[in-house]
């Protein structure tokens, strides 16, 4: 056995191991919390909303997700190693069916982490803030106001015609 057939088998084994790993993490997280009801009670209700972040953000995630999904090696292999268009369609649909639940389960593991360890501090946000301030200073741009840090996501809109900056809070 060799070539693309061995790659397909490797991808199947890899996917099974990834699913077992993330399902195990979800099991331990939910068990440690005492169930899904406790998860729901410990984190903000809007985190369970499909649309609370806004349709613009969902669309952006969709576009980015498509790019990431269709550039991954195992998706390309699944589509390009078949003999006809019908099989390629089935292969692309099948890979999507495997990716969507994985993303949802991964999000649930993150929610469990937030509920179990609400006071964990990440330095990533602080590093991003410091980097942005440094870049603005280097470019000679004065900061006249800021909304940074915390646990709330934000989006920034800049209107070139009016030179007005608007910051919108997500949660």
N, C-alpha and C. Protein backbone atom coordinates (compact mmCIF):
# COMPACT_ATOMS: atom_id res chain seq x y z
N UNK A 1 0.86 -1.17 0.00
CA UNK A 1 0.00 0.00 0.00
C UNK A 1 0.90 1.24 0.00
N UNK A 2 0.50 2.22 -0.73
CA UNK A 2 1.27 3.45 -0.77
C UNK A 2 0.48 4.52 -1.46
N UNK A 3 1.10 5.63 -1.70
CA UNK A 3 0.47 6.73 -2.42
C UNK A 3 -0.71 7.32 -1.68
N UNK A 4 -1.69 7.76 -2.45
CA UNK A 4 -2.83 8.46 -1.88
C UNK A 4 -3.71 7.56 -1.01
N UNK A 5 -3.74 6.27 -1.31
CA UNK A 5 -4.54 5.36 -0.50
C UNK A 5 -4.03 5.33 0.94
N UNK A 6 -2.73 5.31 1.11
CA UNK A 6 -2.17 5.31 2.46
C UNK A 6 -2.41 6.66 3.15
N UNK A 7 -2.42 7.74 2.38
CA UNK A 7 -2.70 9.06 2.94
C UNK A 7 -4.14 9.11 3.45
N UNK A 8 -5.06 8.54 2.69
CA UNK A 8 -6.47 8.51 3.10
C UNK A 8 -6.61 7.74 4.41
N UNK A 9 -5.99 6.58 4.51
CA UNK A 9 -6.05 5.81 5.75
C UNK A 9 -5.45 6.59 6.92
N UNK A 10 -4.36 7.26 6.68
CA UNK A 10 -3.73 8.08 7.72
C UNK A 10 -4.67 9.19 8.17
N UNK A 11 -5.34 9.83 7.22
CA UNK A 11 -6.28 10.90 7.55
C UNK A 11 -7.45 10.38 8.38
N UNK A 12 -7.94 9.20 8.06
CA UNK A 12 -9.05 8.61 8.82
C UNK A 12 -8.61 8.34 10.26
N UNK A 13 -7.45 7.73 10.42
CA UNK A 13 -6.94 7.45 11.77
C UNK A 13 -6.71 8.76 12.53
N UNK A 14 -6.13 9.74 11.86
CA UNK A 14 -5.88 11.04 12.48
C UNK A 14 -7.19 11.68 12.94
N UNK A 15 -8.21 11.63 12.10
CA UNK A 15 -9.51 12.22 12.45
C UNK A 15 -10.14 11.51 13.64
N UNK A 16 -10.05 10.21 13.67
CA UNK A 16 -10.61 9.44 14.78
C UNK A 16 -9.90 9.83 16.09
N UNK A 17 -8.59 9.93 16.05
CA UNK A 17 -7.83 10.29 17.25
C UNK A 17 -8.18 11.70 17.70
N UNK A 18 -8.32 12.64 16.76
CA UNK A 18 -8.70 14.01 17.12
C UNK A 18 -10.07 14.04 17.77
N UNK A 19 -11.03 13.33 17.19
CA UNK A 19 -12.37 13.29 17.75
C UNK A 19 -12.38 12.64 19.14
N UNK A 20 -11.66 11.55 19.30
CA UNK A 20 -11.59 10.91 20.62
C UNK A 20 -10.99 11.86 21.64
N UNK A 21 -9.95 12.57 21.25
CA UNK A 21 -9.31 13.51 22.17
C UNK A 21 -10.23 14.64 22.58
N UNK A 22 -10.90 15.28 21.62
CA UNK A 22 -11.74 16.43 21.95
C UNK A 22 -13.00 15.98 22.68
N UNK A 23 -13.53 14.80 22.35
CA UNK A 23 -14.69 14.27 23.08
C UNK A 23 -14.32 13.91 24.52
N UNK A 24 -13.11 13.41 24.71
CA UNK A 24 -12.63 13.11 26.06
C UNK A 24 -12.51 14.40 26.87
N UNK A 25 -11.95 15.45 26.26
CA UNK A 25 -11.82 16.73 26.94
C UNK A 25 -13.20 17.28 27.30
N UNK A 26 -14.17 17.17 26.39
CA UNK A 26 -15.54 17.63 26.67
C UNK A 26 -16.16 16.82 27.79
N UNK A 27 -15.97 15.51 27.77
CA UNK A 27 -16.52 14.65 28.81
C UNK A 27 -16.00 15.07 30.18
N UNK A 28 -14.68 15.24 30.30
CA UNK A 28 -14.10 15.63 31.58
C UNK A 28 -14.56 17.02 32.01
N UNK A 29 -14.67 17.94 31.06
CA UNK A 29 -15.12 19.28 31.39
C UNK A 29 -16.55 19.30 31.90
N UNK A 30 -17.44 18.64 31.18
CA UNK A 30 -18.86 18.60 31.58
C UNK A 30 -19.01 17.84 32.89
N UNK A 31 -18.28 16.74 33.06
CA UNK A 31 -18.35 15.95 34.29
C UNK A 31 -17.86 16.78 35.48
N UNK A 32 -16.76 17.48 35.30
CA UNK A 32 -16.20 18.32 36.38
C UNK A 32 -17.18 19.43 36.77
N UNK A 33 -17.89 19.96 35.79
CA UNK A 33 -18.88 21.01 36.07
C UNK A 33 -20.14 20.46 36.73
N UNK A 34 -20.47 19.22 36.44
CA UNK A 34 -21.71 18.66 36.96
C UNK A 34 -22.85 18.65 35.95
N UNK A 35 -22.51 18.78 34.67
CA UNK A 35 -23.52 18.69 33.62
C UNK A 35 -23.64 19.97 32.80
N UNK A 36 -24.40 19.86 31.70
CA UNK A 36 -24.61 20.99 30.80
C UNK A 36 -25.39 22.12 31.49
N UNK A 37 -26.30 21.76 32.39
CA UNK A 37 -27.07 22.80 33.09
C UNK A 37 -26.14 23.69 33.91
N UNK A 38 -25.16 23.09 34.56
CA UNK A 38 -24.20 23.88 35.34
C UNK A 38 -23.33 24.74 34.43
N UNK A 39 -22.96 24.21 33.27
CA UNK A 39 -22.20 25.00 32.30
C UNK A 39 -23.02 26.23 31.92
N UNK A 40 -24.28 26.02 31.62
CA UNK A 40 -25.17 27.12 31.24
C UNK A 40 -25.33 28.13 32.36
N UNK A 41 -25.34 27.66 33.59
CA UNK A 41 -25.52 28.56 34.74
C UNK A 41 -24.27 29.39 35.04
N UNK A 42 -23.10 28.89 34.70
CA UNK A 42 -21.86 29.57 35.08
C UNK A 42 -21.32 30.58 34.08
N UNK A 43 -21.76 30.52 32.85
CA UNK A 43 -21.23 31.47 31.86
C UNK A 43 -22.38 32.31 31.30
N UNK A 44 -22.08 33.47 30.74
CA UNK A 44 -23.14 34.35 30.24
C UNK A 44 -24.02 33.65 29.20
N UNK A 45 -25.32 33.90 29.32
CA UNK A 45 -26.31 33.25 28.43
C UNK A 45 -26.05 33.55 26.96
N UNK A 46 -25.52 34.76 26.67
CA UNK A 46 -25.29 35.10 25.26
C UNK A 46 -24.23 34.23 24.61
N UNK A 47 -23.42 33.54 25.40
CA UNK A 47 -22.43 32.63 24.82
C UNK A 47 -23.10 31.39 24.19
N UNK A 48 -24.36 31.18 24.51
CA UNK A 48 -25.10 30.06 23.93
C UNK A 48 -25.94 30.49 22.74
N UNK A 49 -25.89 31.76 22.39
CA UNK A 49 -26.66 32.28 21.27
C UNK A 49 -25.86 32.12 19.98
N UNK A 50 -26.52 31.65 18.94
CA UNK A 50 -25.87 31.48 17.65
C UNK A 50 -25.62 32.81 16.97
N UNK A 51 -26.43 33.82 17.30
CA UNK A 51 -26.37 35.07 16.55
C UNK A 51 -25.99 36.28 17.40
N UNK A 52 -25.64 36.11 18.66
CA UNK A 52 -25.37 37.26 19.53
C UNK A 52 -24.17 38.08 19.08
N UNK A 53 -23.22 37.45 18.44
CA UNK A 53 -22.04 38.18 17.97
C UNK A 53 -22.35 39.03 16.75
N UNK A 54 -23.47 38.81 16.13
CA UNK A 54 -23.86 39.59 14.96
C UNK A 54 -23.62 38.83 13.66
N UNK A 55 -24.49 39.09 12.69
CA UNK A 55 -24.40 38.37 11.42
C UNK A 55 -23.13 38.73 10.65
N UNK A 56 -22.63 39.95 10.81
CA UNK A 56 -21.39 40.33 10.14
C UNK A 56 -20.22 39.48 10.61
N UNK A 57 -20.14 39.25 11.94
CA UNK A 57 -19.07 38.43 12.50
C UNK A 57 -19.24 36.97 12.06
N UNK A 58 -20.46 36.48 12.07
CA UNK A 58 -20.72 35.10 11.63
C UNK A 58 -20.31 34.94 10.17
N UNK A 59 -20.63 35.92 9.33
CA UNK A 59 -20.25 35.86 7.93
C UNK A 59 -18.73 35.87 7.78
N UNK A 60 -18.05 36.70 8.58
CA UNK A 60 -16.57 36.75 8.53
C UNK A 60 -15.98 35.41 8.93
N UNK A 61 -16.52 34.79 9.98
CA UNK A 61 -16.04 33.47 10.40
C UNK A 61 -16.29 32.43 9.31
N UNK A 62 -17.45 32.55 8.65
CA UNK A 62 -17.80 31.62 7.58
C UNK A 62 -16.79 31.72 6.43
N UNK A 63 -16.48 32.95 6.02
CA UNK A 63 -15.53 33.15 4.93
C UNK A 63 -14.14 32.64 5.33
N UNK A 64 -13.70 33.00 6.53
CA UNK A 64 -12.38 32.55 7.00
C UNK A 64 -12.36 31.03 7.14
N UNK A 65 -13.45 30.48 7.65
CA UNK A 65 -13.53 29.03 7.83
C UNK A 65 -13.49 28.29 6.50
N UNK A 66 -14.15 28.85 5.49
CA UNK A 66 -14.11 28.21 4.17
C UNK A 66 -12.69 28.19 3.63
N UNK A 67 -12.01 29.32 3.78
CA UNK A 67 -10.63 29.38 3.29
C UNK A 67 -9.74 28.38 4.01
N UNK A 68 -9.89 28.32 5.32
CA UNK A 68 -9.07 27.39 6.11
C UNK A 68 -9.44 25.95 5.81
N UNK A 69 -10.74 25.70 5.70
CA UNK A 69 -11.20 24.33 5.46
C UNK A 69 -10.74 23.82 4.11
N UNK A 70 -10.95 24.61 3.07
CA UNK A 70 -10.65 24.12 1.74
C UNK A 70 -9.18 24.23 1.35
N UNK A 71 -8.37 24.72 2.27
CA UNK A 71 -6.94 24.72 2.01
C UNK A 71 -6.22 23.66 2.85
N UNK A 72 -6.97 22.96 3.70
CA UNK A 72 -6.34 21.91 4.50
C UNK A 72 -6.04 20.70 3.62
N UNK A 73 -4.97 20.07 3.94
CA UNK A 73 -4.48 18.98 3.10
C UNK A 73 -5.50 17.85 2.96
N UNK A 74 -6.13 17.46 4.06
CA UNK A 74 -6.99 16.29 3.94
C UNK A 74 -8.26 16.57 3.15
N UNK A 75 -8.73 17.83 3.12
CA UNK A 75 -9.88 18.16 2.30
C UNK A 75 -9.49 18.15 0.82
N UNK A 76 -8.35 18.74 0.52
CA UNK A 76 -7.86 18.76 -0.86
C UNK A 76 -7.64 17.33 -1.35
N UNK A 77 -7.06 16.49 -0.50
CA UNK A 77 -6.83 15.10 -0.89
C UNK A 77 -8.14 14.37 -1.12
N UNK A 78 -9.12 14.62 -0.24
CA UNK A 78 -10.41 13.94 -0.39
C UNK A 78 -11.09 14.29 -1.70
N UNK A 79 -10.95 15.53 -2.12
CA UNK A 79 -11.62 15.98 -3.35
C UNK A 79 -10.83 15.60 -4.59
N UNK A 80 -9.51 15.73 -4.54
CA UNK A 80 -8.69 15.53 -5.74
C UNK A 80 -8.30 14.09 -6.03
N UNK A 81 -8.56 13.19 -5.14
CA UNK A 81 -8.15 11.80 -5.38
C UNK A 81 -9.29 10.93 -5.88
N UNK A 82 -10.43 11.52 -6.18
CA UNK A 82 -11.55 10.74 -6.68
C UNK A 82 -11.59 10.81 -8.21
N UNK A 83 -12.37 9.92 -8.78
CA UNK A 83 -12.38 9.77 -10.24
C UNK A 83 -13.39 10.63 -10.98
N UNK A 84 -14.43 11.11 -10.27
CA UNK A 84 -15.47 11.85 -10.99
C UNK A 84 -16.03 12.98 -10.13
N UNK A 85 -16.81 13.85 -10.76
CA UNK A 85 -17.36 15.03 -10.07
C UNK A 85 -18.32 14.64 -8.95
N UNK A 86 -19.11 13.61 -9.16
CA UNK A 86 -20.06 13.19 -8.13
C UNK A 86 -19.32 12.76 -6.86
N UNK A 87 -18.28 11.99 -7.02
CA UNK A 87 -17.48 11.56 -5.86
C UNK A 87 -16.80 12.74 -5.18
N UNK A 88 -16.37 13.73 -5.96
CA UNK A 88 -15.75 14.93 -5.39
C UNK A 88 -16.75 15.71 -4.54
N UNK A 89 -17.99 15.79 -5.02
CA UNK A 89 -19.04 16.47 -4.24
C UNK A 89 -19.31 15.73 -2.94
N UNK A 90 -19.39 14.42 -3.02
CA UNK A 90 -19.61 13.61 -1.81
C UNK A 90 -18.44 13.78 -0.84
N UNK A 91 -17.23 13.80 -1.36
CA UNK A 91 -16.03 13.96 -0.52
C UNK A 91 -16.03 15.32 0.18
N UNK A 92 -16.37 16.38 -0.55
CA UNK A 92 -16.36 17.71 0.06
C UNK A 92 -17.47 17.85 1.10
N UNK A 93 -18.65 17.29 0.81
CA UNK A 93 -19.76 17.33 1.77
C UNK A 93 -19.42 16.51 3.02
N UNK A 94 -18.80 15.37 2.82
CA UNK A 94 -18.43 14.51 3.95
C UNK A 94 -17.42 15.19 4.86
N UNK A 95 -16.43 15.84 4.27
CA UNK A 95 -15.44 16.52 5.11
C UNK A 95 -16.08 17.66 5.90
N UNK A 96 -17.04 18.35 5.28
CA UNK A 96 -17.75 19.42 6.01
C UNK A 96 -18.53 18.84 7.18
N UNK A 97 -19.17 17.70 6.96
CA UNK A 97 -19.92 17.06 8.05
C UNK A 97 -19.03 16.66 9.21
N UNK A 98 -17.77 16.34 8.92
CA UNK A 98 -16.84 15.98 9.99
C UNK A 98 -16.27 17.22 10.68
N UNK A 99 -16.12 18.32 9.97
CA UNK A 99 -15.52 19.53 10.54
C UNK A 99 -16.47 20.32 11.42
N UNK A 100 -17.72 20.43 11.06
CA UNK A 100 -18.66 21.26 11.80
C UNK A 100 -18.83 20.79 13.25
N UNK A 101 -19.11 19.51 13.50
CA UNK A 101 -19.23 19.09 14.90
C UNK A 101 -17.94 19.29 15.69
N UNK A 102 -16.80 19.12 15.04
CA UNK A 102 -15.53 19.31 15.72
C UNK A 102 -15.40 20.75 16.22
N UNK A 103 -15.79 21.71 15.40
CA UNK A 103 -15.75 23.11 15.81
C UNK A 103 -16.69 23.40 16.98
N UNK A 104 -17.89 22.83 16.94
CA UNK A 104 -18.85 23.03 18.03
C UNK A 104 -18.34 22.41 19.32
N UNK A 105 -17.81 21.19 19.23
CA UNK A 105 -17.29 20.53 20.42
C UNK A 105 -16.11 21.30 20.99
N UNK A 106 -15.24 21.80 20.14
CA UNK A 106 -14.10 22.58 20.60
C UNK A 106 -14.57 23.84 21.32
N UNK A 107 -15.60 24.50 20.80
CA UNK A 107 -16.16 25.68 21.47
C UNK A 107 -16.71 25.30 22.84
N UNK A 108 -17.38 24.17 22.94
CA UNK A 108 -17.91 23.72 24.24
C UNK A 108 -16.79 23.44 25.23
N UNK A 109 -15.67 22.89 24.76
CA UNK A 109 -14.52 22.66 25.65
C UNK A 109 -14.00 24.01 26.15
N UNK A 110 -13.93 24.99 25.28
CA UNK A 110 -13.51 26.33 25.69
C UNK A 110 -14.46 26.93 26.71
N UNK A 111 -15.77 26.72 26.52
CA UNK A 111 -16.76 27.22 27.47
C UNK A 111 -16.60 26.53 28.83
N UNK A 112 -16.32 25.24 28.82
CA UNK A 112 -16.07 24.52 30.06
C UNK A 112 -14.84 25.10 30.77
N UNK A 113 -13.80 25.40 30.01
CA UNK A 113 -12.59 25.98 30.58
C UNK A 113 -12.90 27.32 31.23
N UNK A 114 -13.71 28.14 30.56
CA UNK A 114 -14.09 29.43 31.13
C UNK A 114 -14.87 29.25 32.42
N UNK A 115 -15.79 28.28 32.44
CA UNK A 115 -16.60 28.05 33.64
C UNK A 115 -15.77 27.48 34.79
N UNK A 116 -14.84 26.60 34.48
CA UNK A 116 -14.03 25.97 35.52
C UNK A 116 -12.90 26.86 36.02
N UNK A 117 -12.36 27.69 35.14
CA UNK A 117 -11.21 28.54 35.49
C UNK A 117 -11.46 29.99 35.08
N UNK A 118 -12.44 30.65 35.70
CA UNK A 118 -12.82 31.99 35.26
C UNK A 118 -11.76 33.06 35.50
N UNK A 119 -10.82 32.81 36.35
CA UNK A 119 -9.84 33.85 36.69
C UNK A 119 -8.49 33.68 35.99
N UNK A 120 -8.41 32.77 35.04
CA UNK A 120 -7.16 32.60 34.31
C UNK A 120 -6.92 33.84 33.46
N UNK A 121 -5.75 34.37 33.57
CA UNK A 121 -5.39 35.55 32.79
C UNK A 121 -4.50 35.13 31.63
N UNK A 122 -4.77 35.68 30.49
CA UNK A 122 -3.94 35.43 29.31
C UNK A 122 -3.16 36.70 29.01
N UNK A 123 -1.93 36.55 28.69
CA UNK A 123 -1.11 37.72 28.36
C UNK A 123 -1.22 38.09 26.89
N UNK A 124 -1.95 37.30 26.11
CA UNK A 124 -2.06 37.58 24.68
C UNK A 124 -2.71 38.94 24.44
N UNK A 125 -3.79 39.22 25.15
CA UNK A 125 -4.47 40.50 24.98
C UNK A 125 -3.58 41.68 25.32
N UNK A 126 -2.86 41.54 26.44
CA UNK A 126 -1.96 42.62 26.85
C UNK A 126 -0.85 42.83 25.83
N UNK A 127 -0.34 41.74 25.26
CA UNK A 127 0.70 41.85 24.24
C UNK A 127 0.16 42.52 22.98
N UNK A 128 -1.07 42.18 22.61
CA UNK A 128 -1.68 42.82 21.44
C UNK A 128 -1.88 44.32 21.67
N UNK A 129 -2.31 44.68 22.87
CA UNK A 129 -2.52 46.09 23.21
C UNK A 129 -1.20 46.84 23.14
N UNK A 130 -0.16 46.27 23.78
CA UNK A 130 1.16 46.92 23.78
C UNK A 130 1.69 47.06 22.36
N UNK A 131 1.52 46.03 21.54
CA UNK A 131 1.99 46.09 20.15
C UNK A 131 1.27 47.15 19.35
N UNK A 132 -0.05 47.27 19.55
CA UNK A 132 -0.82 48.29 18.83
C UNK A 132 -0.39 49.69 19.26
N UNK A 133 -0.22 49.88 20.57
CA UNK A 133 0.22 51.20 21.06
C UNK A 133 1.60 51.57 20.49
N UNK A 134 2.49 50.59 20.48
CA UNK A 134 3.84 50.83 19.97
C UNK A 134 3.81 51.21 18.49
N UNK A 135 3.01 50.49 17.71
CA UNK A 135 2.91 50.77 16.28
C UNK A 135 2.31 52.15 16.02
N UNK A 136 1.26 52.49 16.77
CA UNK A 136 0.65 53.80 16.60
C UNK A 136 1.63 54.92 16.96
N UNK A 137 2.39 54.72 18.04
CA UNK A 137 3.38 55.71 18.44
C UNK A 137 4.45 55.87 17.37
N UNK A 138 4.91 54.74 16.83
CA UNK A 138 5.94 54.75 15.79
C UNK A 138 5.46 55.49 14.55
N UNK A 139 4.17 55.37 14.24
CA UNK A 139 3.60 56.03 13.06
C UNK A 139 3.18 57.47 13.34
N UNK A 140 3.36 57.91 14.60
CA UNK A 140 3.01 59.28 14.95
C UNK A 140 1.52 59.51 15.12
N UNK A 141 0.78 58.47 15.45
CA UNK A 141 -0.67 58.60 15.62
C UNK A 141 -0.98 58.69 17.11
N UNK A 142 -1.62 59.78 17.50
CA UNK A 142 -1.94 60.02 18.90
C UNK A 142 -3.19 59.22 19.30
N UNK A 143 -3.13 58.61 20.46
CA UNK A 143 -4.30 57.89 21.00
C UNK A 143 -5.08 58.88 21.85
N UNK A 144 -6.32 59.15 21.46
CA UNK A 144 -7.15 60.09 22.21
C UNK A 144 -8.20 59.38 23.05
N UNK A 145 -8.37 58.09 22.86
CA UNK A 145 -9.30 57.29 23.64
C UNK A 145 -9.07 55.82 23.32
N UNK A 146 -9.44 54.97 24.26
CA UNK A 146 -9.27 53.54 24.00
C UNK A 146 -10.28 52.74 24.80
N UNK A 147 -10.61 51.58 24.28
CA UNK A 147 -11.47 50.60 24.95
C UNK A 147 -10.76 49.26 24.76
N UNK A 148 -9.95 48.88 25.75
CA UNK A 148 -9.14 47.67 25.62
C UNK A 148 -9.26 46.82 26.87
N UNK A 149 -8.81 45.56 26.75
CA UNK A 149 -8.79 44.64 27.89
C UNK A 149 -10.17 44.09 28.19
N UNK A 150 -10.23 43.37 29.29
CA UNK A 150 -11.49 42.78 29.71
C UNK A 150 -11.82 41.51 28.97
N UNK A 151 -13.06 41.12 29.05
CA UNK A 151 -13.50 39.86 28.43
C UNK A 151 -14.49 40.08 27.30
N UNK A 152 -14.70 41.34 26.92
CA UNK A 152 -15.67 41.62 25.88
C UNK A 152 -14.99 41.85 24.53
N UNK A 153 -15.52 41.19 23.49
CA UNK A 153 -15.02 41.41 22.15
C UNK A 153 -15.49 42.74 21.61
N UNK A 154 -14.71 43.34 20.74
CA UNK A 154 -15.06 44.63 20.15
C UNK A 154 -14.77 44.61 18.66
N UNK A 155 -15.49 45.46 17.95
CA UNK A 155 -15.15 45.69 16.55
C UNK A 155 -14.94 47.18 16.36
N UNK A 156 -14.06 47.54 15.44
CA UNK A 156 -13.73 48.94 15.19
C UNK A 156 -14.08 49.26 13.74
N UNK A 157 -14.79 50.36 13.57
CA UNK A 157 -15.12 50.83 12.23
C UNK A 157 -14.52 52.22 12.06
N UNK A 158 -13.91 52.47 10.91
CA UNK A 158 -13.33 53.77 10.61
C UNK A 158 -13.92 54.27 9.30
N UNK A 159 -14.56 55.42 9.36
CA UNK A 159 -15.12 56.04 8.15
C UNK A 159 -14.09 57.00 7.58
N UNK A 160 -13.60 56.68 6.40
CA UNK A 160 -12.54 57.47 5.77
C UNK A 160 -13.05 58.88 5.46
N UNK A 161 -14.29 59.01 5.02
CA UNK A 161 -14.82 60.32 4.62
C UNK A 161 -14.94 61.27 5.80
N UNK A 162 -15.43 60.77 6.94
CA UNK A 162 -15.64 61.64 8.10
C UNK A 162 -14.52 61.55 9.13
N UNK A 163 -13.64 60.55 8.97
CA UNK A 163 -12.54 60.29 9.91
C UNK A 163 -13.05 59.99 11.32
N UNK A 164 -14.22 59.36 11.40
CA UNK A 164 -14.81 58.99 12.69
C UNK A 164 -14.56 57.51 12.94
N UNK A 165 -14.09 57.22 14.15
CA UNK A 165 -13.85 55.84 14.57
C UNK A 165 -14.97 55.45 15.53
N UNK A 166 -15.59 54.30 15.28
CA UNK A 166 -16.65 53.78 16.14
C UNK A 166 -16.22 52.43 16.69
N UNK A 167 -16.35 52.26 18.00
CA UNK A 167 -16.02 50.99 18.64
C UNK A 167 -17.34 50.39 19.14
N UNK A 168 -17.61 49.14 18.75
CA UNK A 168 -18.82 48.46 19.19
C UNK A 168 -18.41 47.26 20.06
N UNK A 169 -19.08 47.13 21.20
CA UNK A 169 -18.83 46.02 22.11
C UNK A 169 -19.72 44.85 21.73
N UNK A 170 -19.15 43.63 21.70
CA UNK A 170 -19.89 42.45 21.27
C UNK A 170 -20.76 41.87 22.37
N UNK A 171 -20.28 41.79 23.60
CA UNK A 171 -21.09 41.18 24.68
C UNK A 171 -21.47 42.25 25.67
